[in-house]
N, C-alpha and C. Protein backbone atom coordinates (compact mmCIF):
# COMPACT_ATOMS: atom_id res chain seq x y z
N MET A 1 6.14 40.08 30.90
CA MET A 1 7.38 39.78 30.17
C MET A 1 7.01 39.58 28.68
N PRO A 2 7.68 40.32 27.78
CA PRO A 2 7.49 40.10 26.23
C PRO A 2 7.51 38.75 25.80
N ARG A 3 6.89 38.36 24.78
CA ARG A 3 7.05 36.73 24.13
C ARG A 3 8.24 36.61 23.54
N ALA A 4 9.05 35.69 23.52
CA ALA A 4 9.97 35.50 22.75
C ALA A 4 9.97 35.75 21.31
N LEU A 5 10.95 36.19 20.52
CA LEU A 5 10.81 36.68 19.40
C LEU A 5 11.73 35.61 18.30
N PHE A 6 12.03 34.62 18.96
CA PHE A 6 12.81 33.54 18.34
C PHE A 6 12.06 32.15 18.62
N PRO A 7 11.99 31.47 17.69
CA PRO A 7 11.40 29.94 17.86
C PRO A 7 12.22 29.14 18.92
N SER A 8 11.41 28.12 19.61
CA SER A 8 12.05 27.47 20.71
C SER A 8 13.19 26.30 20.26
N ARG A 9 14.12 26.30 20.86
CA ARG A 9 14.83 25.12 20.50
C ARG A 9 14.52 23.77 19.88
N ARG A 10 13.22 23.61 20.40
CA ARG A 10 12.60 22.04 20.18
C ARG A 10 12.11 22.37 18.73
N LEU A 11 11.48 23.55 18.43
CA LEU A 11 10.90 23.80 17.07
C LEU A 11 12.03 23.90 16.15
N ILE A 12 13.28 24.37 16.33
CA ILE A 12 14.30 24.43 15.47
C ILE A 12 14.68 22.89 15.14
N LEU A 13 14.95 22.16 16.19
CA LEU A 13 15.36 20.69 15.92
C LEU A 13 14.30 19.93 15.01
N LEU A 14 13.13 20.14 15.43
CA LEU A 14 12.15 19.67 14.44
C LEU A 14 12.06 20.05 13.21
N ALA A 15 12.36 21.01 12.82
CA ALA A 15 12.55 21.63 11.42
C ALA A 15 13.67 21.13 10.77
N PHE A 16 14.81 21.10 11.64
CA PHE A 16 15.87 20.48 11.10
C PHE A 16 15.74 19.14 10.67
N ALA A 17 14.91 18.19 11.65
CA ALA A 17 14.92 16.89 11.38
C ALA A 17 14.00 16.40 10.13
N THR A 18 12.93 17.41 9.95
CA THR A 18 12.32 17.33 8.63
C THR A 18 12.98 17.55 7.54
N LEU A 19 13.68 18.38 7.43
CA LEU A 19 14.32 18.78 6.15
C LEU A 19 15.50 17.76 6.06
N ALA A 20 16.02 17.28 7.13
CA ALA A 20 17.27 16.04 6.76
C ALA A 20 16.47 14.85 6.42
N THR A 21 15.14 14.35 6.91
CA THR A 21 14.62 13.39 6.17
C THR A 21 14.12 13.61 4.93
N ALA A 22 13.64 14.73 4.49
CA ALA A 22 13.27 14.98 3.30
C ALA A 22 14.28 14.95 2.20
N ALA A 23 15.63 15.44 2.65
CA ALA A 23 16.69 15.23 1.92
C ALA A 23 17.33 13.88 1.66
N THR A 24 17.08 13.39 2.66
CA THR A 24 17.44 11.76 2.49
C THR A 24 16.73 11.23 1.52
N LEU A 25 15.29 11.16 1.79
CA LEU A 25 14.45 10.52 0.91
C LEU A 25 14.28 10.93 -0.70
N ALA A 26 14.26 12.35 -0.81
CA ALA A 26 14.22 12.77 -2.12
C ALA A 26 15.36 13.21 -2.78
N GLY A 27 16.10 14.31 -2.07
CA GLY A 27 17.37 15.09 -2.51
C GLY A 27 18.41 13.96 -3.00
N CYS A 28 18.70 12.93 -2.29
CA CYS A 28 19.82 11.93 -2.73
C CYS A 28 19.80 11.56 -3.97
N SER A 29 18.63 11.59 -4.93
CA SER A 29 18.65 11.14 -6.09
C SER A 29 19.14 12.35 -7.16
N VAL A 30 19.24 13.20 -6.82
CA VAL A 30 19.65 14.72 -7.51
C VAL A 30 21.26 14.94 -7.58
N GLY A 31 21.65 14.77 -8.70
CA GLY A 31 23.07 14.88 -8.83
C GLY A 31 23.45 16.57 -9.17
N ARG A 32 24.58 16.80 -9.56
CA ARG A 32 25.06 18.14 -9.69
C ARG A 32 24.10 18.77 -10.95
N GLY A 33 23.71 20.05 -10.76
CA GLY A 33 23.02 20.71 -11.60
C GLY A 33 21.60 20.22 -11.71
N GLY A 34 21.06 19.37 -10.76
CA GLY A 34 19.92 19.17 -10.80
C GLY A 34 19.29 17.95 -11.44
N ALA A 35 20.42 17.29 -12.11
CA ALA A 35 20.14 16.04 -13.21
C ALA A 35 19.77 15.14 -12.21
N ALA A 36 18.81 14.02 -12.58
CA ALA A 36 18.50 12.97 -11.82
C ALA A 36 19.56 12.08 -11.99
N ALA A 37 19.81 11.35 -10.95
CA ALA A 37 20.94 10.29 -10.85
C ALA A 37 20.52 9.17 -11.48
N PRO A 38 21.46 8.32 -12.16
CA PRO A 38 21.20 7.12 -12.91
C PRO A 38 20.99 6.09 -12.05
N GLY A 39 20.13 4.93 -12.39
CA GLY A 39 19.88 3.71 -11.53
C GLY A 39 18.60 3.76 -10.89
N LEU A 40 17.61 4.01 -11.57
CA LEU A 40 16.15 4.30 -10.98
C LEU A 40 15.90 2.72 -10.27
N ALA A 41 15.65 2.67 -9.23
CA ALA A 41 15.20 1.22 -8.58
C ALA A 41 13.68 1.24 -8.75
N ARG A 42 13.46 -0.25 -9.17
CA ARG A 42 12.04 -0.70 -9.26
C ARG A 42 11.79 -1.53 -8.26
N TYR A 43 10.55 -1.44 -7.75
CA TYR A 43 10.12 -2.58 -6.77
C TYR A 43 8.83 -3.20 -6.84
N ASP A 44 8.66 -4.48 -6.39
CA ASP A 44 7.23 -5.13 -6.76
C ASP A 44 7.26 -5.75 -5.25
N PHE A 45 6.28 -6.77 -5.22
CA PHE A 45 5.95 -7.53 -3.84
C PHE A 45 6.73 -8.58 -3.65
N GLY A 46 7.61 -9.10 -4.55
CA GLY A 46 8.37 -10.12 -4.58
C GLY A 46 7.54 -11.48 -4.93
N ALA A 47 8.11 -12.50 -4.30
CA ALA A 47 7.47 -13.92 -4.54
C ALA A 47 6.66 -14.15 -3.84
N LEU A 48 5.46 -14.81 -3.97
CA LEU A 48 4.24 -15.23 -2.93
C LEU A 48 5.22 -15.90 -1.73
N PRO A 49 4.83 -15.64 -0.64
CA PRO A 49 5.17 -16.37 0.66
C PRO A 49 4.84 -17.75 0.75
N ASP A 50 5.54 -18.83 1.26
CA ASP A 50 5.34 -20.06 0.88
C ASP A 50 4.05 -20.43 1.96
N SER A 51 3.86 -19.59 2.85
CA SER A 51 2.51 -19.87 3.75
C SER A 51 2.21 -18.67 4.42
N THR A 52 0.79 -18.52 4.48
CA THR A 52 0.22 -17.25 5.15
C THR A 52 -0.72 -17.61 6.21
N ALA A 53 -1.08 -16.54 6.62
CA ALA A 53 -2.16 -16.91 7.80
C ALA A 53 -3.48 -17.32 7.25
N SER A 54 -3.59 -17.41 5.92
CA SER A 54 -4.86 -17.75 5.41
C SER A 54 -4.80 -19.08 4.59
N ALA A 55 -3.75 -19.75 5.10
CA ALA A 55 -3.35 -20.98 4.47
C ALA A 55 -4.58 -22.11 4.74
N SER A 56 -5.40 -22.01 5.67
CA SER A 56 -6.30 -23.02 5.86
C SER A 56 -7.66 -22.18 5.61
N VAL A 57 -7.48 -21.24 5.17
CA VAL A 57 -8.90 -20.63 4.48
C VAL A 57 -9.52 -21.46 3.21
N HIS A 58 -10.64 -21.81 3.12
CA HIS A 58 -11.07 -22.43 1.83
C HIS A 58 -12.46 -21.67 1.32
N LEU A 59 -12.33 -21.46 0.22
CA LEU A 59 -13.35 -20.57 -0.45
C LEU A 59 -14.27 -21.68 -1.16
N PRO A 60 -15.62 -21.68 -0.53
CA PRO A 60 -16.41 -22.88 -1.41
C PRO A 60 -16.75 -22.76 -2.59
N THR A 61 -16.75 -21.24 -3.22
CA THR A 61 -17.39 -21.10 -4.48
C THR A 61 -16.32 -20.34 -5.07
N PRO A 62 -16.31 -20.35 -6.55
CA PRO A 62 -15.37 -19.42 -7.32
C PRO A 62 -15.77 -18.01 -7.15
N ILE A 63 -14.65 -16.93 -7.31
CA ILE A 63 -14.96 -15.47 -7.02
C ILE A 63 -14.42 -14.77 -8.29
N ARG A 64 -15.20 -14.01 -8.60
CA ARG A 64 -14.91 -13.02 -9.66
C ARG A 64 -14.42 -11.70 -9.34
N VAL A 65 -13.11 -11.71 -9.52
CA VAL A 65 -12.19 -10.32 -9.04
C VAL A 65 -12.09 -9.37 -10.23
N VAL A 66 -12.65 -8.43 -9.77
CA VAL A 66 -12.51 -6.89 -10.39
C VAL A 66 -11.33 -6.26 -10.38
N ALA A 67 -10.62 -5.92 -11.15
CA ALA A 67 -9.42 -5.02 -11.17
C ALA A 67 -9.55 -4.04 -10.16
N VAL A 68 -8.36 -3.85 -9.12
CA VAL A 68 -8.69 -3.05 -8.00
C VAL A 68 -8.68 -1.46 -8.45
N SER A 69 -9.34 -0.90 -7.97
CA SER A 69 -9.59 0.67 -8.18
C SER A 69 -8.86 1.65 -7.20
N ALA A 70 -8.53 2.58 -7.59
CA ALA A 70 -7.75 3.59 -6.51
C ALA A 70 -7.86 4.70 -7.11
N PRO A 71 -7.91 5.94 -6.12
CA PRO A 71 -7.65 7.38 -6.52
C PRO A 71 -6.68 7.63 -7.77
N SER A 72 -6.66 8.50 -8.24
CA SER A 72 -5.82 8.99 -9.35
C SER A 72 -4.33 9.23 -9.01
N ALA A 73 -4.18 9.44 -7.28
CA ALA A 73 -2.79 9.85 -7.07
C ALA A 73 -1.97 8.42 -7.03
N LEU A 74 -2.63 7.39 -6.95
CA LEU A 74 -2.32 5.92 -6.93
C LEU A 74 -2.11 5.24 -8.28
N SER A 75 -2.54 6.14 -9.39
CA SER A 75 -2.66 5.55 -10.46
C SER A 75 -1.32 5.51 -11.40
N SER A 76 -0.18 5.74 -11.01
CA SER A 76 1.11 5.92 -11.57
C SER A 76 1.96 4.89 -10.67
N ASP A 77 3.30 4.79 -11.11
CA ASP A 77 4.28 3.89 -10.63
C ASP A 77 5.05 4.63 -9.46
N ALA A 78 4.38 5.86 -8.93
CA ALA A 78 5.18 6.64 -8.13
C ALA A 78 5.22 5.98 -6.73
N PHE A 79 6.33 6.22 -5.88
CA PHE A 79 6.48 5.48 -4.67
C PHE A 79 6.11 6.48 -3.59
N GLN A 80 5.11 6.40 -3.12
CA GLN A 80 4.81 7.56 -2.09
C GLN A 80 5.02 7.20 -0.71
N TYR A 81 5.23 8.57 0.03
CA TYR A 81 5.62 8.42 1.25
C TYR A 81 5.42 9.63 2.07
N ARG A 82 4.85 9.46 3.54
CA ARG A 82 4.19 10.78 4.24
C ARG A 82 5.34 10.67 5.26
N LEU A 83 5.24 12.20 5.67
CA LEU A 83 6.01 12.59 7.06
C LEU A 83 5.12 12.96 7.91
N ARG A 84 4.39 11.95 8.59
CA ARG A 84 3.36 12.32 9.54
C ARG A 84 3.78 13.05 10.58
N TYR A 85 4.81 13.00 11.14
CA TYR A 85 5.23 14.02 12.16
C TYR A 85 5.42 15.61 11.66
N ALA A 86 5.41 15.91 10.55
CA ALA A 86 5.51 17.06 9.87
C ALA A 86 4.30 17.57 9.35
N ASP A 87 3.76 16.93 8.33
CA ASP A 87 2.51 17.23 7.53
C ASP A 87 1.85 16.12 7.26
N ASP A 88 0.96 15.49 7.76
CA ASP A 88 0.53 14.02 7.17
C ASP A 88 -0.60 14.41 5.99
N ARG A 89 -0.94 15.57 5.77
CA ARG A 89 -1.78 15.76 4.51
C ARG A 89 -0.97 15.80 3.06
N GLN A 90 0.17 16.00 3.43
CA GLN A 90 1.16 16.14 2.19
C GLN A 90 1.62 14.87 1.75
N ALA A 91 1.55 14.11 0.61
CA ALA A 91 2.03 13.04 -0.02
C ALA A 91 3.30 13.60 -0.81
N HIS A 92 4.47 12.70 -0.54
CA HIS A 92 5.73 12.79 -1.24
C HIS A 92 5.95 11.61 -2.34
N ALA A 93 6.70 11.79 -2.88
CA ALA A 93 7.32 10.51 -3.81
C ALA A 93 8.89 10.45 -3.87
N TYR A 94 9.19 9.34 -3.92
CA TYR A 94 10.63 9.17 -4.04
C TYR A 94 10.98 9.63 -5.27
N ALA A 95 12.29 9.97 -5.45
CA ALA A 95 12.67 10.62 -6.83
C ALA A 95 13.44 9.56 -7.51
N ASP A 96 13.94 8.68 -6.80
CA ASP A 96 14.87 7.53 -7.65
C ASP A 96 14.47 6.34 -7.31
N SER A 97 13.14 6.09 -6.75
CA SER A 97 12.64 4.60 -6.77
C SER A 97 11.22 4.59 -7.18
N ARG A 98 10.77 3.67 -7.80
CA ARG A 98 9.44 3.67 -8.61
C ARG A 98 9.05 1.87 -8.14
N TRP A 99 7.61 1.86 -8.21
CA TRP A 99 6.87 0.21 -8.51
C TRP A 99 7.18 -0.06 -9.87
N THR A 100 7.00 -1.19 -10.12
CA THR A 100 7.19 -1.82 -11.45
C THR A 100 5.95 -1.62 -12.04
N GLU A 101 4.86 -1.53 -11.27
CA GLU A 101 3.33 -1.10 -11.83
C GLU A 101 2.70 -0.33 -10.82
N PRO A 102 1.41 0.48 -11.34
CA PRO A 102 1.05 1.15 -10.15
C PRO A 102 0.46 0.11 -9.03
N PRO A 103 0.46 0.64 -7.98
CA PRO A 103 -0.06 -0.16 -6.87
C PRO A 103 -1.30 -0.99 -6.85
N PRO A 104 -2.31 -0.23 -7.54
CA PRO A 104 -3.76 -0.83 -7.75
C PRO A 104 -3.49 -2.34 -8.51
N GLN A 105 -2.32 -2.37 -9.60
CA GLN A 105 -2.32 -3.37 -10.43
C GLN A 105 -1.38 -4.48 -9.82
N LEU A 106 -0.49 -3.92 -8.95
CA LEU A 106 0.35 -5.05 -8.27
C LEU A 106 -0.52 -5.87 -6.94
N PHE A 107 -1.50 -4.90 -6.47
CA PHE A 107 -2.39 -5.42 -5.46
C PHE A 107 -3.40 -6.31 -5.93
N SER A 108 -3.68 -6.21 -7.55
CA SER A 108 -4.85 -6.94 -8.24
C SER A 108 -3.97 -8.42 -8.15
N THR A 109 -2.73 -8.27 -8.68
CA THR A 109 -2.12 -9.57 -9.28
C THR A 109 -2.00 -10.42 -7.98
N ARG A 110 -1.62 -9.75 -6.77
CA ARG A 110 -1.33 -10.51 -5.62
C ARG A 110 -2.80 -11.04 -5.02
N LEU A 111 -3.67 -10.33 -4.99
CA LEU A 111 -4.77 -10.74 -4.75
C LEU A 111 -5.60 -12.03 -5.56
N ARG A 112 -5.45 -11.75 -6.72
CA ARG A 112 -5.84 -12.98 -7.70
C ARG A 112 -4.84 -14.37 -7.53
N ASP A 113 -3.63 -14.23 -7.20
CA ASP A 113 -2.59 -15.37 -7.15
C ASP A 113 -3.24 -16.11 -5.55
N GLN A 114 -3.38 -15.29 -4.79
CA GLN A 114 -3.84 -15.59 -3.29
C GLN A 114 -5.08 -16.39 -3.28
N ILE A 115 -6.07 -15.54 -4.06
CA ILE A 115 -7.20 -16.45 -3.98
C ILE A 115 -7.20 -17.64 -4.72
N ALA A 116 -6.25 -17.72 -5.99
CA ALA A 116 -6.19 -18.99 -6.77
C ALA A 116 -5.62 -20.04 -5.86
N ARG A 117 -4.93 -19.74 -4.87
CA ARG A 117 -4.39 -20.72 -3.89
C ARG A 117 -5.55 -21.51 -2.83
N GLN A 118 -6.43 -20.63 -2.77
CA GLN A 118 -7.26 -20.96 -1.72
C GLN A 118 -8.68 -21.51 -2.45
N GLY A 119 -8.87 -21.15 -3.61
CA GLY A 119 -10.20 -21.46 -4.49
C GLY A 119 -10.15 -21.13 -5.82
N HIS A 120 -11.11 -20.70 -6.49
CA HIS A 120 -11.16 -20.49 -7.88
C HIS A 120 -11.31 -18.85 -8.11
N VAL A 121 -10.25 -18.17 -8.99
CA VAL A 121 -10.53 -16.95 -9.19
C VAL A 121 -10.71 -16.94 -10.72
N LEU A 122 -11.84 -15.82 -11.15
CA LEU A 122 -12.08 -15.64 -12.12
C LEU A 122 -12.00 -14.43 -12.78
N ASP A 123 -11.89 -14.15 -14.00
CA ASP A 123 -11.74 -12.69 -14.39
C ASP A 123 -12.98 -11.95 -14.22
N SER A 124 -13.06 -10.64 -14.52
CA SER A 124 -14.20 -9.96 -14.46
C SER A 124 -15.36 -10.28 -15.72
N SER A 125 -14.95 -11.06 -16.50
CA SER A 125 -16.12 -11.15 -17.76
C SER A 125 -16.37 -12.62 -17.57
N ASP A 126 -15.79 -13.62 -16.54
CA ASP A 126 -16.31 -14.77 -16.77
C ASP A 126 -17.27 -15.25 -15.48
N GLY A 127 -17.87 -16.57 -15.73
CA GLY A 127 -18.57 -16.89 -14.72
C GLY A 127 -20.18 -16.71 -14.91
N GLY A 128 -20.56 -15.49 -15.36
CA GLY A 128 -21.85 -15.28 -15.46
C GLY A 128 -22.59 -14.69 -14.09
N PRO A 129 -23.66 -14.30 -14.03
CA PRO A 129 -24.40 -13.65 -12.99
C PRO A 129 -24.43 -14.31 -11.66
N ALA A 130 -24.36 -15.79 -11.63
CA ALA A 130 -24.27 -16.61 -10.45
C ALA A 130 -23.06 -16.46 -9.62
N VAL A 131 -21.95 -15.91 -10.26
CA VAL A 131 -20.70 -16.02 -9.33
C VAL A 131 -20.67 -14.73 -8.55
N PRO A 132 -20.34 -14.75 -7.40
CA PRO A 132 -20.20 -13.46 -6.65
C PRO A 132 -18.96 -12.87 -7.06
N VAL A 133 -18.99 -11.55 -6.95
CA VAL A 133 -18.03 -10.60 -7.38
C VAL A 133 -17.46 -9.67 -6.26
N LEU A 134 -15.91 -9.79 -6.33
CA LEU A 134 -15.40 -8.94 -5.35
C LEU A 134 -14.71 -7.76 -5.85
N LYS A 135 -15.12 -6.74 -5.19
CA LYS A 135 -14.48 -5.31 -5.83
C LYS A 135 -13.36 -4.81 -4.71
N VAL A 136 -12.43 -4.36 -4.83
CA VAL A 136 -11.43 -3.83 -3.79
C VAL A 136 -11.20 -2.43 -4.55
N GLU A 137 -11.22 -1.32 -3.54
CA GLU A 137 -10.90 0.14 -3.54
C GLU A 137 -9.75 0.39 -2.85
N LEU A 138 -8.49 0.56 -3.36
CA LEU A 138 -7.24 0.69 -2.60
C LEU A 138 -7.34 2.51 -2.06
N ASP A 139 -7.43 2.41 -1.13
CA ASP A 139 -7.45 4.01 -0.57
C ASP A 139 -6.17 4.52 -0.20
N GLU A 140 -5.34 3.92 0.56
CA GLU A 140 -4.02 4.38 0.75
C GLU A 140 -2.88 3.25 0.82
N PHE A 141 -1.82 3.57 0.23
CA PHE A 141 -0.68 2.55 -0.18
C PHE A 141 0.62 3.54 -0.02
N ALA A 142 1.17 3.50 1.01
CA ALA A 142 2.25 4.42 1.32
C ALA A 142 3.30 3.85 2.48
N GLN A 143 4.21 4.53 2.45
CA GLN A 143 5.28 4.43 3.48
C GLN A 143 5.07 5.71 4.46
N VAL A 144 4.82 5.44 5.53
CA VAL A 144 4.47 6.64 6.44
C VAL A 144 5.37 6.88 7.75
N PHE A 145 6.32 7.82 7.72
CA PHE A 145 7.09 8.15 8.85
C PHE A 145 6.69 8.82 9.86
N ASP A 146 6.46 8.21 11.14
CA ASP A 146 5.79 8.69 12.26
C ASP A 146 7.11 9.50 13.00
N GLN A 147 8.22 9.35 12.95
CA GLN A 147 9.39 9.94 13.34
C GLN A 147 10.55 10.01 12.20
N PRO A 148 11.39 10.75 12.26
CA PRO A 148 12.50 10.61 11.47
C PRO A 148 13.17 9.45 11.60
N GLY A 149 13.51 8.78 10.58
CA GLY A 149 14.10 7.31 10.58
C GLY A 149 13.28 6.33 11.01
N THR A 150 11.84 6.29 11.43
CA THR A 150 11.41 5.28 11.53
C THR A 150 9.79 5.33 10.89
N SER A 151 9.29 4.35 10.03
CA SER A 151 8.39 4.29 9.12
C SER A 151 7.68 2.94 9.31
N GLN A 152 6.50 2.93 8.61
CA GLN A 152 5.66 1.76 8.25
C GLN A 152 4.93 1.76 7.17
N GLY A 153 4.94 0.79 6.33
CA GLY A 153 3.90 0.38 5.29
C GLY A 153 2.43 0.43 5.61
N VAL A 154 1.85 1.16 4.97
CA VAL A 154 0.38 1.52 5.58
C VAL A 154 -0.48 1.02 4.21
N VAL A 155 -1.14 0.16 4.26
CA VAL A 155 -2.65 -0.15 3.52
C VAL A 155 -3.77 -0.01 4.09
N ARG A 156 -4.64 0.84 3.24
CA ARG A 156 -6.04 0.95 3.70
C ARG A 156 -7.00 0.62 2.50
N LEU A 157 -7.92 -0.13 2.50
CA LEU A 157 -8.79 -0.43 1.23
C LEU A 157 -10.15 -0.60 1.68
N ARG A 158 -11.24 -0.98 0.92
CA ARG A 158 -12.44 -1.24 1.38
C ARG A 158 -12.77 -2.41 0.13
N ALA A 159 -13.26 -3.49 0.72
CA ALA A 159 -13.78 -4.71 -0.22
C ALA A 159 -15.07 -5.07 -0.10
N THR A 160 -15.53 -5.15 -1.33
CA THR A 160 -17.24 -5.29 -1.36
C THR A 160 -17.59 -6.54 -2.22
N LEU A 161 -18.38 -7.26 -1.64
CA LEU A 161 -18.86 -8.33 -2.40
C LEU A 161 -20.17 -8.33 -2.94
N LEU A 162 -20.39 -8.83 -3.88
CA LEU A 162 -21.83 -8.45 -4.74
C LEU A 162 -22.30 -9.68 -5.14
N HIS A 163 -23.41 -10.10 -5.45
CA HIS A 163 -24.03 -11.21 -6.08
C HIS A 163 -25.06 -10.44 -7.18
N GLY A 164 -24.62 -10.57 -8.24
CA GLY A 164 -25.32 -9.79 -9.35
C GLY A 164 -25.30 -8.26 -8.92
N ASN A 165 -26.52 -7.54 -8.82
CA ASN A 165 -26.39 -6.04 -8.24
C ASN A 165 -26.69 -5.88 -6.70
N ALA A 166 -26.92 -7.20 -6.13
CA ALA A 166 -27.30 -7.26 -4.74
C ALA A 166 -25.95 -7.06 -3.74
N LEU A 167 -25.76 -6.45 -2.69
CA LEU A 167 -24.66 -6.17 -1.93
C LEU A 167 -24.88 -7.52 -0.84
N ILE A 168 -23.68 -8.30 -0.94
CA ILE A 168 -23.68 -9.30 0.05
C ILE A 168 -23.33 -8.84 1.26
N ALA A 169 -21.83 -8.01 1.38
CA ALA A 169 -21.18 -7.60 2.43
C ALA A 169 -20.17 -6.64 2.02
N GLN A 170 -19.59 -5.62 2.86
CA GLN A 170 -18.70 -4.70 2.59
C GLN A 170 -17.95 -4.39 3.90
N GLN A 171 -16.65 -4.32 3.74
CA GLN A 171 -15.81 -4.27 4.84
C GLN A 171 -14.44 -3.48 4.43
N SER A 172 -14.02 -2.61 5.44
CA SER A 172 -12.68 -1.98 5.31
C SER A 172 -11.68 -2.36 6.28
N PHE A 173 -10.51 -2.18 5.33
CA PHE A 173 -9.26 -2.77 6.17
C PHE A 173 -8.18 -1.90 6.23
N THR A 174 -7.56 -1.98 7.31
CA THR A 174 -6.29 -1.07 7.44
C THR A 174 -5.12 -1.79 8.03
N VAL A 175 -3.91 -1.95 7.39
CA VAL A 175 -3.08 -2.87 8.01
C VAL A 175 -1.86 -2.00 7.75
N SER A 176 -0.89 -1.98 8.79
CA SER A 176 0.66 -1.55 8.67
C SER A 176 1.60 -2.65 9.16
N SER A 177 2.62 -2.36 8.54
CA SER A 177 3.89 -3.05 8.88
C SER A 177 5.22 -2.47 9.11
N PRO A 178 5.93 -2.66 10.02
CA PRO A 178 7.12 -1.58 10.28
C PRO A 178 8.05 -1.90 9.15
N ALA A 179 8.81 -1.14 8.96
CA ALA A 179 10.13 -0.75 7.76
C ALA A 179 11.35 -1.23 8.45
N ALA A 180 11.95 -1.99 8.16
CA ALA A 180 13.34 -2.24 8.90
C ALA A 180 14.25 -1.38 8.63
N THR A 181 14.28 -0.44 7.44
CA THR A 181 15.18 0.84 7.12
C THR A 181 14.35 1.72 6.66
N ALA A 182 14.58 3.11 6.96
CA ALA A 182 13.94 4.32 6.50
C ALA A 182 14.40 4.58 5.26
N ASP A 183 14.15 3.60 4.00
CA ASP A 183 14.27 4.11 2.78
C ASP A 183 13.42 3.50 1.85
N ALA A 184 13.31 3.50 0.71
CA ALA A 184 12.55 2.88 -0.28
C ALA A 184 12.47 1.40 -0.06
N ALA A 185 13.68 0.90 -0.18
CA ALA A 185 13.75 -0.60 0.04
C ALA A 185 12.96 -1.09 1.15
N GLY A 186 13.32 -0.36 2.43
CA GLY A 186 12.44 -0.80 3.58
C GLY A 186 11.11 -0.44 3.40
N GLY A 187 10.62 0.55 2.88
CA GLY A 187 9.33 0.79 2.61
C GLY A 187 8.42 -0.45 1.52
N ALA A 188 9.21 -0.77 0.63
CA ALA A 188 8.60 -1.64 -0.41
C ALA A 188 8.51 -3.08 0.51
N GLN A 189 9.32 -3.56 1.15
CA GLN A 189 9.21 -4.83 2.02
C GLN A 189 7.92 -4.44 3.00
N ALA A 190 8.06 -3.43 3.60
CA ALA A 190 6.94 -3.30 4.58
C ALA A 190 5.33 -3.29 3.78
N LEU A 191 5.60 -2.78 2.72
CA LEU A 191 4.35 -2.63 2.06
C LEU A 191 3.96 -3.94 1.34
N SER A 192 4.51 -5.00 0.95
CA SER A 192 4.55 -5.90 0.60
C SER A 192 3.93 -6.79 1.75
N VAL A 193 4.60 -6.80 2.84
CA VAL A 193 3.99 -7.52 4.10
C VAL A 193 2.63 -7.15 4.36
N ALA A 194 2.45 -5.93 4.39
CA ALA A 194 1.04 -5.07 5.02
C ALA A 194 0.03 -5.53 3.81
N SER A 195 0.60 -5.65 2.49
CA SER A 195 -0.55 -6.31 1.49
C SER A 195 -0.90 -7.63 1.61
N ASP A 196 0.03 -8.64 1.98
CA ASP A 196 0.03 -10.08 2.05
C ASP A 196 -1.11 -10.15 3.10
N THR A 197 -0.84 -9.42 4.25
CA THR A 197 -1.74 -9.32 5.57
C THR A 197 -3.03 -8.99 5.17
N ALA A 198 -3.13 -7.84 4.29
CA ALA A 198 -4.41 -7.39 4.10
C ALA A 198 -5.44 -8.32 3.34
N ILE A 199 -4.71 -9.09 2.35
CA ILE A 199 -5.02 -10.05 1.60
C ILE A 199 -5.63 -11.23 2.29
N SER A 200 -4.84 -11.75 3.46
CA SER A 200 -5.14 -12.86 4.09
C SER A 200 -6.54 -12.31 4.91
N GLN A 201 -6.62 -11.18 5.18
CA GLN A 201 -7.74 -10.85 6.17
C GLN A 201 -8.87 -10.73 5.02
N ILE A 202 -8.88 -10.44 3.85
CA ILE A 202 -9.89 -10.48 2.97
C ILE A 202 -10.30 -11.69 2.38
N LEU A 203 -9.47 -12.83 2.62
CA LEU A 203 -9.96 -14.04 2.26
C LEU A 203 -10.55 -14.95 3.37
N THR A 204 -10.11 -14.58 4.83
CA THR A 204 -11.02 -14.93 6.05
C THR A 204 -12.45 -14.49 5.93
N TRP A 205 -12.38 -13.12 5.64
CA TRP A 205 -13.75 -12.25 5.68
C TRP A 205 -14.52 -13.04 4.43
N LEU A 206 -13.93 -13.35 3.26
CA LEU A 206 -14.75 -13.92 2.26
C LEU A 206 -15.26 -15.20 2.48
N ALA A 207 -14.52 -15.99 3.23
CA ALA A 207 -15.03 -17.36 3.57
C ALA A 207 -16.18 -17.11 4.84
N ALA A 208 -15.90 -16.24 5.29
CA ALA A 208 -17.12 -16.07 6.42
C ALA A 208 -18.58 -15.57 5.91
N GLN A 209 -18.57 -14.84 4.61
CA GLN A 209 -19.36 -14.63 4.01
C GLN A 209 -20.34 -15.90 3.24
N ASN A 210 -19.64 -17.08 3.01
CA ASN A 210 -20.35 -18.22 2.34
C ASN A 210 -21.28 -17.96 1.44
N PRO A 211 -20.51 -16.90 0.20
CA PRO A 211 -21.47 -16.63 -1.09
C PRO A 211 -22.09 -17.70 -1.88
């Protein structure tokens, strides 16, 4: 029997679902004639939570925190998302939503604030060579759609603790948090929760190193 010349119903439905999701995420910000719609939304991490899983963590020594680094793709205020069910290798950005600052800066501020709650945080030029140095590399920071209408905020990073030029410890962290809604607002909330969870894990890890 010759092979069917037309795509299956399942493939057609998947293609329509992918196009519909992309149109919802990006196309809704474009008005008639291709002009960007007014009212650009700006998101940050919101206020610090009253309590976190790291509330009982105590850092015995001050930590010098270097500004969080990231690939060039995360160096702007673009709000990235991925359609994992369609092509996980391609990053997209919301047309009508942005971060208030690039994700590395938002994460740096949150990390410093959380460490300040549990111990002493110093700028990168303070404290002298005796103070341990924490470096964080942010590898992924995006809203990931596993299926149309179902997404999660994903934060992936690597933390390195140094004493002078000596490596004390290094650890990778990957945290995800489900989004309540399949839009930028839901993604921002999910990424905020995922970031706070990742920072709590970093603090617990730091305390275990006893630098």
